Amino acid sequence: AKKTVYLQMNSLKPEDTAVYYCARTARGPQNSNSKRALDYY
């Protein structure tokens, strides 16, 4: 159900500094991810 999703981040760099957001959507194809923020609600 992907109720808990993790992001393991190794070898971090200063350019990785940011606020990280998780997002979900039921739109789009079954076997790929949209990379557009507006597709996640």
PDB file of all heavy atoms in Angstrom:
ATOM      1  N   ALA A   1       0.820  -1.208   0.000  1.00  0.00           N
ATOM      2  CA  ALA A   1       0.000   0.000   0.000  1.00  0.00           C
ATOM      3  C   ALA A   1       0.851   1.254   0.000  1.00  0.00           C
ATOM      4  O   ALA A   1       0.332   2.356  -0.131  1.00  0.00           O
ATOM      5  CB  ALA A   1      -0.931   0.005   1.206  1.00  0.00           C
ATOM      6  N   LYS A   2       2.170   1.080   0.181  1.00  0.00           N
ATOM      7  CA  LYS A   2       3.109   2.216   0.217  1.00  0.00           C
ATOM      8  C   LYS A   2       2.679   3.228   1.278  1.00  0.00           C
ATOM      9  O   LYS A   2       2.801   4.445   1.077  1.00  0.00           O
ATOM     10  CB  LYS A   2       3.198   2.901  -1.152  1.00  0.00           C
ATOM     11  CG  LYS A   2       3.441   1.967  -2.323  1.00  0.00           C
ATOM     12  CD  LYS A   2       3.569   2.765  -3.604  1.00  0.00           C
ATOM     13  CE  LYS A   2       3.057   1.978  -4.807  1.00  0.00           C
ATOM     14  NZ  LYS A   2       1.602   1.849  -4.829  1.00  0.00           N
ATOM     15  N   LYS A   3       2.183   2.717   2.405  1.00  0.00           N
ATOM     16  CA  LYS A   3       1.794   3.644   3.463  1.00  0.00           C
ATOM     17  C   LYS A   3       2.995   4.332   4.075  1.00  0.00           C
ATOM     18  O   LYS A   3       2.904   5.464   4.535  1.00  0.00           O
ATOM     19  CB  LYS A   3       0.991   2.912   4.534  1.00  0.00           C
ATOM     20  CG  LYS A   3      -0.395   2.473   4.097  1.00  0.00           C
ATOM     21  CD  LYS A   3      -1.249   2.064   5.270  1.00  0.00           C
ATOM     22  CE  LYS A   3      -1.603   3.248   6.146  1.00  0.00           C
ATOM     23  NZ  LYS A   3      -2.521   2.903   7.242  1.00  0.00           N
ATOM     24  N   THR A   4       4.119   3.649   4.117  1.00  0.00           N
ATOM     25  CA  THR A   4       5.361   4.255   4.597  1.00  0.00           C
ATOM     26  C   THR A   4       6.392   4.122   3.487  1.00  0.00           C
ATOM     27  O   THR A   4       6.665   3.019   3.018  1.00  0.00           O
ATOM     28  CB  THR A   4       5.872   3.577   5.865  1.00  0.00           C
ATOM     29  OG1 THR A   4       4.857   3.603   6.861  1.00  0.00           O
ATOM     30  CG2 THR A   4       7.109   4.298   6.383  1.00  0.00           C
ATOM     31  N   VAL A   5       6.931   5.241   3.098  1.00  0.00           N
ATOM     32  CA  VAL A   5       7.941   5.275   2.035  1.00  0.00           C
ATOM     33  C   VAL A   5       9.190   5.950   2.591  1.00  0.00           C
ATOM     34  O   VAL A   5       9.097   6.959   3.297  1.00  0.00           O
ATOM     35  CB  VAL A   5       7.409   6.023   0.808  1.00  0.00           C
ATOM     36  CG1 VAL A   5       8.499   6.182  -0.236  1.00  0.00           C
ATOM     37  CG2 VAL A   5       6.215   5.272   0.224  1.00  0.00           C
ATOM     38  N   TYR A   6      10.323   5.375   2.263  1.00  0.00           N
ATOM     39  CA  TYR A   6      11.592   5.872   2.777  1.00  0.00           C
ATOM     40  C   TYR A   6      12.435   6.459   1.649  1.00  0.00           C
ATOM     41  O   TYR A   6      12.308   6.069   0.488  1.00  0.00           O
ATOM     42  CB  TYR A   6      12.374   4.740   3.430  1.00  0.00           C
ATOM     43  CG  TYR A   6      11.627   4.032   4.522  1.00  0.00           C
ATOM     44  CD1 TYR A   6      10.964   2.836   4.268  1.00  0.00           C
ATOM     45  CD2 TYR A   6      11.560   4.559   5.806  1.00  0.00           C
ATOM     46  CE1 TYR A   6      10.259   2.176   5.255  1.00  0.00           C
ATOM     47  CE2 TYR A   6      10.863   3.911   6.810  1.00  0.00           C
ATOM     48  CZ  TYR A   6      10.206   2.722   6.530  1.00  0.00           C
ATOM     49  OH  TYR A   6       9.513   2.071   7.513  1.00  0.00           O
ATOM     50  N   LEU A   7      13.293   7.363   2.021  1.00  0.00           N
ATOM     51  CA  LEU A   7      14.314   7.864   1.105  1.00  0.00           C
ATOM     52  C   LEU A   7      15.647   7.785   1.836  1.00  0.00           C
ATOM     53  O   LEU A   7      15.906   8.585   2.747  1.00  0.00           O
ATOM     54  CB  LEU A   7      14.023   9.290   0.660  1.00  0.00           C
ATOM     55  CG  LEU A   7      15.002   9.845  -0.374  1.00  0.00           C
ATOM     56  CD1 LEU A   7      14.840   9.104  -1.710  1.00  0.00           C
ATOM     57  CD2 LEU A   7      14.790  11.340  -0.591  1.00  0.00           C
ATOM     58  N   GLN A   8      16.443   6.808   1.465  1.00  0.00           N
ATOM     59  CA  GLN A   8      17.776   6.676   2.021  1.00  0.00           C
ATOM     60  C   GLN A   8      18.710   7.553   1.217  1.00  0.00           C
ATOM     61  O   GLN A   8      18.822   7.391  -0.006  1.00  0.00           O
ATOM     62  CB  GLN A   8      18.237   5.219   1.970  1.00  0.00           C
ATOM     63  CG  GLN A   8      19.631   4.988   2.496  1.00  0.00           C
ATOM     64  CD  GLN A   8      19.729   5.196   3.999  1.00  0.00           C
ATOM     65  OE1 GLN A   8      18.854   4.790   4.752  1.00  0.00           O
ATOM     66  NE2 GLN A   8      20.810   5.826   4.441  1.00  0.00           N
ATOM     67  N   MET A   9      19.372   8.462   1.896  1.00  0.00           N
ATOM     68  CA  MET A   9      20.243   9.420   1.221  1.00  0.00           C
ATOM     69  C   MET A   9      21.667   9.215   1.724  1.00  0.00           C
ATOM     70  O   MET A   9      21.952   9.478   2.895  1.00  0.00           O
ATOM     71  CB  MET A   9      19.770  10.846   1.489  1.00  0.00           C
ATOM     72  CG  MET A   9      18.298  11.074   1.152  1.00  0.00           C
ATOM     73  SD  MET A   9      17.795  12.801   1.301  1.00  0.00           S
ATOM     74  CE  MET A   9      18.044  13.059   3.056  1.00  0.00           C
ATOM     75  N   ASN A  10      22.533   8.744   0.850  1.00  0.00           N
ATOM     76  CA  ASN A  10      23.942   8.515   1.183  1.00  0.00           C
ATOM     77  C   ASN A  10      24.829   9.497   0.428  1.00  0.00           C
ATOM     78  O   ASN A  10      24.403  10.121  -0.544  1.00  0.00           O
ATOM     79  CB  ASN A  10      24.327   7.076   0.815  1.00  0.00           C
ATOM     80  CG  ASN A  10      23.544   6.041   1.591  1.00  0.00           C
ATOM     81  OD1 ASN A  10      23.129   6.274   2.721  1.00  0.00           O
ATOM     82  ND2 ASN A  10      23.327   4.877   0.983  1.00  0.00           N
ATOM     83  N   SER A  11      26.054   9.591   0.868  1.00  0.00           N
ATOM     84  CA  SER A  11      27.043  10.476   0.219  1.00  0.00           C
ATOM     85  C   SER A  11      26.459  11.861  -0.021  1.00  0.00           C
ATOM     86  O   SER A  11      26.542  12.406  -1.126  1.00  0.00           O
ATOM     87  CB  SER A  11      27.497   9.850  -1.108  1.00  0.00           C
ATOM     88  OG  SER A  11      28.043   8.570  -0.899  1.00  0.00           O
ATOM     89  N   LEU A  12      25.883  12.418   1.003  1.00  0.00           N
ATOM     90  CA  LEU A  12      25.212  13.707   0.864  1.00  0.00           C
ATOM     91  C   LEU A  12      26.195  14.816   0.518  1.00  0.00           C
ATOM     92  O   LEU A  12      27.358  14.816   0.958  1.00  0.00           O
ATOM     93  CB  LEU A  12      24.454  14.038   2.139  1.00  0.00           C
ATOM     94  CG  LEU A  12      23.120  13.278   2.287  1.00  0.00           C
ATOM     95  CD1 LEU A  12      22.645  13.307   3.733  1.00  0.00           C
ATOM     96  CD2 LEU A  12      22.079  13.865   1.363  1.00  0.00           C
ATOM     97  N   LYS A  13      25.700  15.746  -0.273  1.00  0.00           N
ATOM     98  CA  LYS A  13      26.491  16.892  -0.719  1.00  0.00           C
ATOM     99  C   LYS A  13      25.806  18.177  -0.262  1.00  0.00           C
ATOM    100  O   LYS A  13      24.592  18.194  -0.062  1.00  0.00           O
ATOM    101  CB  LYS A  13      26.582  16.893  -2.248  1.00  0.00           C
ATOM    102  CG  LYS A  13      27.136  15.616  -2.852  1.00  0.00           C
ATOM    103  CD  LYS A  13      27.075  15.684  -4.378  1.00  0.00           C
ATOM    104  CE  LYS A  13      27.614  14.405  -5.003  1.00  0.00           C
ATOM    105  NZ  LYS A  13      27.561  14.462  -6.489  1.00  0.00           N
ATOM    106  N   PRO A  14      26.574  19.255  -0.142  1.00  0.00           N
ATOM    107  CA  PRO A  14      25.939  20.533   0.245  1.00  0.00           C
ATOM    108  C   PRO A  14      24.793  20.929  -0.693  1.00  0.00           C
ATOM    109  O   PRO A  14      23.807  21.521  -0.236  1.00  0.00           O
ATOM    110  CB  PRO A  14      27.099  21.526   0.167  1.00  0.00           C
ATOM    111  CG  PRO A  14      28.298  20.698   0.484  1.00  0.00           C
ATOM    112  CD  PRO A  14      28.033  19.365  -0.168  1.00  0.00           C
ATOM    113  N   GLU A  15      24.886  20.571  -1.957  1.00  0.00           N
ATOM    114  CA  GLU A  15      23.818  20.924  -2.896  1.00  0.00           C
ATOM    115  C   GLU A  15      22.551  20.097  -2.694  1.00  0.00           C
ATOM    116  O   GLU A  15      21.535  20.352  -3.347  1.00  0.00           O
ATOM    117  CB  GLU A  15      24.301  20.789  -4.348  1.00  0.00           C
ATOM    118  CG  GLU A  15      24.953  19.472  -4.684  1.00  0.00           C
ATOM    119  CD  GLU A  15      26.480  19.532  -4.591  1.00  0.00           C
ATOM    120  OE1 GLU A  15      27.011  20.127  -3.614  1.00  0.00           O
ATOM    121  OE2 GLU A  15      27.142  18.966  -5.491  1.00  0.00           O
ATOM    122  N   ASP A  16      22.579  19.116  -1.814  1.00  0.00           N
ATOM    123  CA  ASP A  16      21.369  18.383  -1.452  1.00  0.00           C
ATOM    124  C   ASP A  16      20.550  19.115  -0.389  1.00  0.00           C
ATOM    125  O   ASP A  16      19.441  18.688  -0.049  1.00  0.00           O
ATOM    126  CB  ASP A  16      21.719  16.983  -0.929  1.00  0.00           C
ATOM    127  CG  ASP A  16      22.344  16.099  -1.990  1.00  0.00           C
ATOM    128  OD1 ASP A  16      21.871  16.119  -3.144  1.00  0.00           O
ATOM    129  OD2 ASP A  16      23.308  15.375  -1.651  1.00  0.00           O
ATOM    130  N   THR A  17      21.092  20.201   0.126  1.00  0.00           N
ATOM    131  CA  THR A  17      20.377  20.970   1.138  1.00  0.00           C
ATOM    132  C   THR A  17      19.073  21.515   0.574  1.00  0.00           C
ATOM    133  O   THR A  17      19.068  22.187  -0.459  1.00  0.00           O
ATOM    134  CB  THR A  17      21.253  22.136   1.646  1.00  0.00           C
ATOM    135  OG1 THR A  17      22.395  21.596   2.321  1.00  0.00           O
ATOM    136  CG2 THR A  17      20.476  23.033   2.584  1.00  0.00           C
ATOM    137  N   ALA A  18      17.979  21.205   1.254  1.00  0.00           N
ATOM    138  CA  ALA A  18      16.654  21.610   0.778  1.00  0.00           C
ATOM    139  C   ALA A  18      15.606  21.149   1.785  1.00  0.00           C
ATOM    140  O   ALA A  18      15.906  20.357   2.691  1.00  0.00           O
ATOM    141  CB  ALA A  18      16.360  20.999  -0.579  1.00  0.00           C
ATOM    142  N   VAL A  19      14.398  21.624   1.585  1.00  0.00           N
ATOM    143  CA  VAL A  19      13.247  21.038   2.267  1.00  0.00           C
ATOM    144  C   VAL A  19      12.742  19.904   1.377  1.00  0.00           C
ATOM    145  O   VAL A  19      12.505  20.110   0.185  1.00  0.00           O
ATOM    146  CB  VAL A  19      12.136  22.065   2.510  1.00  0.00           C
ATOM    147  CG1 VAL A  19      10.929  21.387   3.163  1.00  0.00           C
ATOM    148  CG2 VAL A  19      12.644  23.200   3.398  1.00  0.00           C
ATOM    149  N   TYR A  20      12.610  18.735   1.968  1.00  0.00           N
ATOM    150  CA  TYR A  20      12.180  17.556   1.228  1.00  0.00           C
ATOM    151  C   TYR A  20      10.702  17.276   1.518  1.00  0.00           C
ATOM    152  O   TYR A  20      10.285  17.251   2.676  1.00  0.00           O
ATOM    153  CB  TYR A  20      13.039  16.349   1.603  1.00  0.00           C
ATOM    154  CG  TYR A  20      14.408  16.390   0.961  1.00  0.00           C
ATOM    155  CD1 TYR A  20      15.365  17.314   1.377  1.00  0.00           C
ATOM    156  CD2 TYR A  20      14.743  15.516  -0.065  1.00  0.00           C
ATOM    157  CE1 TYR A  20      16.612  17.373   0.777  1.00  0.00           C
ATOM    158  CE2 TYR A  20      15.993  15.551  -0.673  1.00  0.00           C
ATOM    159  CZ  TYR A  20      16.924  16.487  -0.240  1.00  0.00           C
ATOM    160  OH  TYR A  20      18.164  16.545  -0.844  1.00  0.00           O
ATOM    161  N   TYR A  21       9.960  17.056   0.458  1.00  0.00           N
ATOM    162  CA  TYR A  21       8.525  16.808   0.561  1.00  0.00           C
ATOM    163  C   TYR A  21       8.195  15.435  -0.030  1.00  0.00           C
ATOM    164  O   TYR A  21       8.733  15.069  -1.079  1.00  0.00           O
ATOM    165  CB  TYR A  21       7.734  17.857  -0.220  1.00  0.00           C
ATOM    166  CG  TYR A  21       7.922  19.274   0.239  1.00  0.00           C
ATOM    167  CD1 TYR A  21       8.925  20.080  -0.297  1.00  0.00           C
ATOM    168  CD2 TYR A  21       7.071  19.828   1.201  1.00  0.00           C
ATOM    169  CE1 TYR A  21       9.092  21.384   0.116  1.00  0.00           C
ATOM    170  CE2 TYR A  21       7.224  21.142   1.612  1.00  0.00           C
ATOM    171  CZ  TYR A  21       8.241  21.918   1.067  1.00  0.00           C
ATOM    172  OH  TYR A  21       8.388  23.216   1.477  1.00  0.00           O
ATOM    173  N   CYS A  22       7.285  14.730   0.609  1.00  0.00           N
ATOM    174  CA  CYS A  22       6.742  13.537  -0.025  1.00  0.00           C
ATOM    175  C   CYS A  22       5.372  13.869  -0.593  1.00  0.00           C
ATOM    176  O   CYS A  22       4.680  14.763  -0.098  1.00  0.00           O
ATOM    177  CB  CYS A  22       6.665  12.355   0.934  1.00  0.00           C
ATOM    178  SG  CYS A  22       5.663  12.614   2.401  1.00  0.00           S
ATOM    179  N   ALA A  23       5.011  13.162  -1.624  1.00  0.00           N
ATOM    180  CA  ALA A  23       3.764  13.443  -2.327  1.00  0.00           C
ATOM    181  C   ALA A  23       3.185  12.163  -2.904  1.00  0.00           C
ATOM    182  O   ALA A  23       3.921  11.210  -3.186  1.00  0.00           O
ATOM    183  CB  ALA A  23       4.019  14.459  -3.443  1.00  0.00           C
ATOM    184  N   ARG A  24       1.862  12.163  -3.075  1.00  0.00           N
ATOM    185  CA  ARG A  24       1.190  10.978  -3.618  1.00  0.00           C
ATOM    186  C   ARG A  24       0.206  11.402  -4.706  1.00  0.00           C
ATOM    187  O   ARG A  24      -0.340  12.520  -4.676  1.00  0.00           O
ATOM    188  CB  ARG A  24       0.405  10.243  -2.530  1.00  0.00           C
ATOM    189  CG  ARG A  24       1.208   9.790  -1.333  1.00  0.00           C
ATOM    190  CD  ARG A  24       0.355   9.039  -0.351  1.00  0.00           C
ATOM    191  NE  ARG A  24      -0.028   7.737  -0.846  1.00  0.00           N
ATOM    192  CZ  ARG A  24       0.558   6.596  -0.506  1.00  0.00           C
ATOM    193  NH1 ARG A  24       1.586   6.604   0.330  1.00  0.00           N
ATOM    194  NH2 ARG A  24       0.136   5.443  -0.978  1.00  0.00           N
ATOM    195  N   THR A  25      -0.017  10.484  -5.634  1.00  0.00           N
ATOM    196  CA  THR A  25      -1.015  10.714  -6.668  1.00  0.00           C
ATOM    197  C   THR A  25      -1.523   9.381  -7.184  1.00  0.00           C
ATOM    198  O   THR A  25      -0.791   8.397  -7.203  1.00  0.00           O
ATOM    199  CB  THR A  25      -0.431  11.532  -7.828  1.00  0.00           C
ATOM    200  OG1 THR A  25      -1.465  11.789  -8.791  1.00  0.00           O
ATOM    201  CG2 THR A  25       0.692  10.769  -8.524  1.00  0.00           C
ATOM    202  N   ALA A  26      -2.787   9.385  -7.609  1.00  0.00           N
ATOM    203  CA  ALA A  26      -3.354   8.207  -8.268  1.00  0.00           C
ATOM    204  C   ALA A  26      -3.451   8.437  -9.775  1.00  0.00           C
ATOM    205  O   ALA A  26      -4.042   7.634 -10.485  1.00  0.00           O
ATOM    206  CB  ALA A  26      -4.721   7.877  -7.692  1.00  0.00           C
ATOM    207  N   ARG A  27      -2.873   9.526 -10.242  1.00  0.00           N
ATOM    208  CA  ARG A  27      -2.904   9.826 -11.677  1.00  0.00           C
ATOM    209  C   ARG A  27      -1.717   9.184 -12.367  1.00  0.00           C
ATOM    210  O   ARG A  27      -0.717   8.858 -11.758  1.00  0.00           O
ATOM    211  CB  ARG A  27      -2.838  11.344 -11.895  1.00  0.00           C
ATOM    212  CG  ARG A  27      -3.993  12.103 -11.320  1.00  0.00           C
ATOM    213  CD  ARG A  27      -3.748  13.600 -11.459  1.00  0.00           C
ATOM    214  NE  ARG A  27      -4.824  14.379 -10.865  1.00  0.00           N
ATOM    215  CZ  ARG A  27      -4.759  15.691 -10.626  1.00  0.00           C
ATOM    216  NH1 ARG A  27      -3.671  16.343 -10.962  1.00  0.00           N
ATOM    217  NH2 ARG A  27      -5.767  16.327 -10.094  1.00  0.00           N
ATOM    218  N   GLY A  28      -1.813   9.094 -13.644  1.00  0.00           N
ATOM    219  CA  GLY A  28      -0.682   8.681 -14.444  1.00  0.00           C
ATOM    220  C   GLY A  28      -0.592   7.180 -14.640  1.00  0.00           C
ATOM    221  O   GLY A  28      -1.404   6.413 -14.127  1.00  0.00           O
ATOM    222  N   PRO A  29       0.406   6.755 -15.388  1.00  0.00           N
ATOM    223  CA  PRO A  29       0.563   5.334 -15.721  1.00  0.00           C
ATOM    224  C   PRO A  29       0.976   4.498 -14.520  1.00  0.00           C
ATOM    225  O   PRO A  29       1.434   5.026 -13.514  1.00  0.00           O
ATOM    226  CB  PRO A  29       1.667   5.348 -16.788  1.00  0.00           C
ATOM    227  CG  PRO A  29       2.430   6.590 -16.524  1.00  0.00           C
ATOM    228  CD  PRO A  29       1.444   7.593 -16.010  1.00  0.00           C
ATOM    229  N   GLN A  30       0.817   3.196 -14.683  1.00  0.00           N
ATOM    230  CA  GLN A  30       1.105   2.288 -13.578  1.00  0.00           C
ATOM    231  C   GLN A  30       2.602   2.122 -13.327  1.00  0.00           C
ATOM    232  O   GLN A  30       3.019   1.873 -12.199  1.00  0.00           O
ATOM    233  CB  GLN A  30       0.508   0.904 -13.886  1.00  0.00           C
ATOM    234  CG  GLN A  30      -0.997   0.832 -13.704  1.00  0.00           C
ATOM    235  CD  GLN A  30      -1.392   0.812 -12.242  1.00  0.00           C
ATOM    236  OE1 GLN A  30      -0.655   0.327 -11.386  1.00  0.00           O
ATOM    237  NE2 GLN A  30      -2.553   1.356 -11.935  1.00  0.00           N
ATOM    238  N   ASN A  31       3.393   2.228 -14.374  1.00  0.00           N
ATOM    239  CA  ASN A  31       4.797   1.839 -14.250  1.00  0.00           C
ATOM    240  C   ASN A  31       5.793   2.952 -14.519  1.00  0.00           C
ATOM    241  O   ASN A  31       6.892   2.706 -15.022  1.00  0.00           O
ATOM    242  CB  ASN A  31       5.072   0.664 -15.185  1.00  0.00           C
ATOM    243  CG  ASN A  31       4.319  -0.577 -14.742  1.00  0.00           C
ATOM    244  OD1 ASN A  31       4.375  -0.960 -13.583  1.00  0.00           O
ATOM    245  ND2 ASN A  31       3.592  -1.181 -15.661  1.00  0.00           N
ATOM    246  N   SER A  32       5.415   4.172 -14.169  1.00  0.00           N
ATOM    247  CA  SER A  32       6.377   5.266 -14.228  1.00  0.00           C
ATOM    248  C   SER A  32       5.909   6.355 -13.287  1.00  0.00           C
ATOM    249  O   SER A  32       4.791   6.306 -12.778  1.00  0.00           O
ATOM    250  CB  SER A  32       6.523   5.803 -15.650  1.00  0.00           C
ATOM    251  OG  SER A  32       5.307   6.364 -16.092  1.00  0.00           O
ATOM    252  N   ASN A  33       6.769   7.321 -13.022  1.00  0.00           N
ATOM    253  CA  ASN A  33       6.426   8.443 -12.150  1.00  0.00           C
ATOM    254  C   ASN A  33       6.461   9.744 -12.923  1.00  0.00           C
ATOM    255  O   ASN A  33       7.424   9.999 -13.648  1.00  0.00           O
ATOM    256  CB  ASN A  33       7.429   8.550 -10.999  1.00  0.00           C
ATOM    257  CG  ASN A  33       7.126   7.610  -9.871  1.00  0.00           C
ATOM    258  OD1 ASN A  33       7.639   6.511  -9.820  1.00  0.00           O
ATOM    259  ND2 ASN A  33       6.264   8.040  -8.961  1.00  0.00           N
ATOM    260  N   SER A  34       5.446  10.553 -12.713  1.00  0.00           N
ATOM    261  CA  SER A  34       5.530  11.912 -13.214  1.00  0.00           C
ATOM    262  C   SER A  34       6.572  12.668 -12.389  1.00  0.00           C
ATOM    263  O   SER A  34       6.686  12.469 -11.182  1.00  0.00           O
ATOM    264  CB  SER A  34       4.184  12.614 -13.089  1.00  0.00           C
ATOM    265  OG  SER A  34       4.332  13.993 -13.364  1.00  0.00           O
ATOM    266  N   LYS A  35       7.300  13.541 -13.051  1.00  0.00           N
ATOM    267  CA  LYS A  35       8.288  14.360 -12.353  1.00  0.00           C
ATOM    268  C   LYS A  35       7.790  15.781 -12.181  1.00  0.00           C
ATOM    269  O   LYS A  35       8.555  16.655 -11.787  1.00  0.00           O
ATOM    270  CB  LYS A  35       9.614  14.324 -13.112  1.00  0.00           C
ATOM    271  CG  LYS A  35      10.211  12.913 -13.159  1.00  0.00           C
ATOM    272  CD  LYS A  35      11.543  12.867 -13.865  1.00  0.00           C
ATOM    273  CE  LYS A  35      12.077  11.420 -13.850  1.00  0.00           C
ATOM    274  NZ  LYS A  35      13.378  11.305 -14.540  1.00  0.00           N
ATOM    275  N   ARG A  36       6.516  15.976 -12.451  1.00  0.00           N
ATOM    276  CA  ARG A  36       5.915  17.299 -12.308  1.00  0.00           C
ATOM    277  C   ARG A  36       5.167  17.388 -10.993  1.00  0.00           C
ATOM    278  O   ARG A  36       4.269  16.587 -10.720  1.00  0.00           O
ATOM    279  CB  ARG A  36       4.964  17.587 -13.465  1.00  0.00           C
ATOM    280  CG  ARG A  36       5.577  17.491 -14.827  1.00  0.00           C
ATOM    281  CD  ARG A  36       4.616  17.996 -15.900  1.00  0.00           C
ATOM    282  NE  ARG A  36       3.290  17.387 -15.781  1.00  0.00           N
ATOM    283  CZ  ARG A  36       2.234  17.820 -16.468  1.00  0.00           C
ATOM    284  NH1 ARG A  36       2.345  18.879 -17.264  1.00  0.00           N
ATOM    285  NH2 ARG A  36       1.063  17.212 -16.342  1.00  0.00           N
ATOM    286  N   ALA A  37       5.489  18.399 -10.209  1.00  0.00           N
ATOM    287  CA  ALA A  37       4.850  18.565  -8.906  1.00  0.00           C
ATOM    288  C   ALA A  37       3.334  18.734  -9.034  1.00  0.00           C
ATOM    289  O   ALA A  37       2.571  18.266  -8.181  1.00  0.00           O
ATOM    290  CB  ALA A  37       5.449  19.758  -8.180  1.00  0.00           C
ATOM    291  N   LEU A  38       2.883  19.347 -10.111  1.00  0.00           N
ATOM    292  CA  LEU A  38       1.458  19.618 -10.229  1.00  0.00           C
ATOM    293  C   LEU A  38       0.640  18.347 -10.447  1.00  0.00           C
ATOM    294  O   LEU A  38      -0.581  18.372 -10.354  1.00  0.00           O
ATOM    295  CB  LEU A  38       1.204  20.628 -11.342  1.00  0.00           C
ATOM    296  CG  LEU A  38       1.686  20.311 -12.767  1.00  0.00           C
ATOM    297  CD1 LEU A  38       0.687  19.457 -13.520  1.00  0.00           C
ATOM    298  CD2 LEU A  38       1.922  21.622 -13.538  1.00  0.00           C
ATOM    299  N   ASP A  39       1.290  17.230 -10.748  1.00  0.00           N
ATOM    300  CA  ASP A  39       0.572  15.968 -10.926  1.00  0.00           C
ATOM    301  C   ASP A  39       0.309  15.239  -9.610  1.00  0.00           C
ATOM    302  O   ASP A  39      -0.346  14.206  -9.606  1.00  0.00           O
ATOM    303  CB  ASP A  39       1.354  15.043 -11.863  1.00  0.00           C
ATOM    304  CG  ASP A  39       1.288  15.497 -13.309  1.00  0.00           C
ATOM    305  OD1 ASP A  39       0.297  16.150 -13.682  1.00  0.00           O
ATOM    306  OD2 ASP A  39       2.238  15.221 -14.060  1.00  0.00           O
ATOM    307  N   TYR A  40       0.809  15.770  -8.521  1.00  0.00           N
ATOM    308  CA  TYR A  40       0.641  15.143  -7.209  1.00  0.00           C
ATOM    309  C   TYR A  40      -0.315  15.994  -6.386  1.00  0.00           C
ATOM    310  O   TYR A  40      -0.152  17.218  -6.324  1.00  0.00           O
ATOM    311  CB  TYR A  40       1.990  15.008  -6.505  1.00  0.00           C
ATOM    312  CG  TYR A  40       2.907  14.035  -7.204  1.00  0.00           C
ATOM    313  CD1 TYR A  40       3.616  14.420  -8.338  1.00  0.00           C
ATOM    314  CD2 TYR A  40       3.042  12.725  -6.751  1.00  0.00           C
ATOM    315  CE1 TYR A  40       4.434  13.522  -9.003  1.00  0.00           C
ATOM    316  CE2 TYR A  40       3.862  11.827  -7.405  1.00  0.00           C
ATOM    317  CZ  TYR A  40       4.554  12.229  -8.533  1.00  0.00           C
ATOM    318  OH  TYR A  40       5.359  11.339  -9.191  1.00  0.00           O
ATOM    319  N   TYR A  41      -1.302  15.346  -5.765  1.00  0.00           N
ATOM    320  CA  TYR A  41      -2.288  16.177  -5.055  1.00  0.00           C
ATOM    321  C   TYR A  41      -2.307  15.991  -3.552  1.00  0.00           C
ATOM    322  O   TYR A  41      -3.033  16.685  -2.867  1.00  0.00           O
ATOM    323  CB  TYR A  41      -3.693  15.995  -5.638  1.00  0.00           C
ATOM    324  CG  TYR A  41      -4.116  14.581  -5.921  1.00  0.00           C
ATOM    325  CD1 TYR A  41      -4.466  13.715  -4.913  1.00  0.00           C
ATOM    326  CD2 TYR A  41      -4.190  14.127  -7.234  1.00  0.00           C
ATOM    327  CE1 TYR A  41      -4.862  12.421  -5.186  1.00  0.00           C
ATOM    328  CE2 TYR A  41      -4.594  12.827  -7.519  1.00  0.00           C
ATOM    329  CZ  TYR A  41      -4.931  11.980  -6.498  1.00  0.00           C
ATOM    330  OH  TYR A  41      -5.329  10.693  -6.766  1.00  0.00           O
TER     331      TYR A  41
END
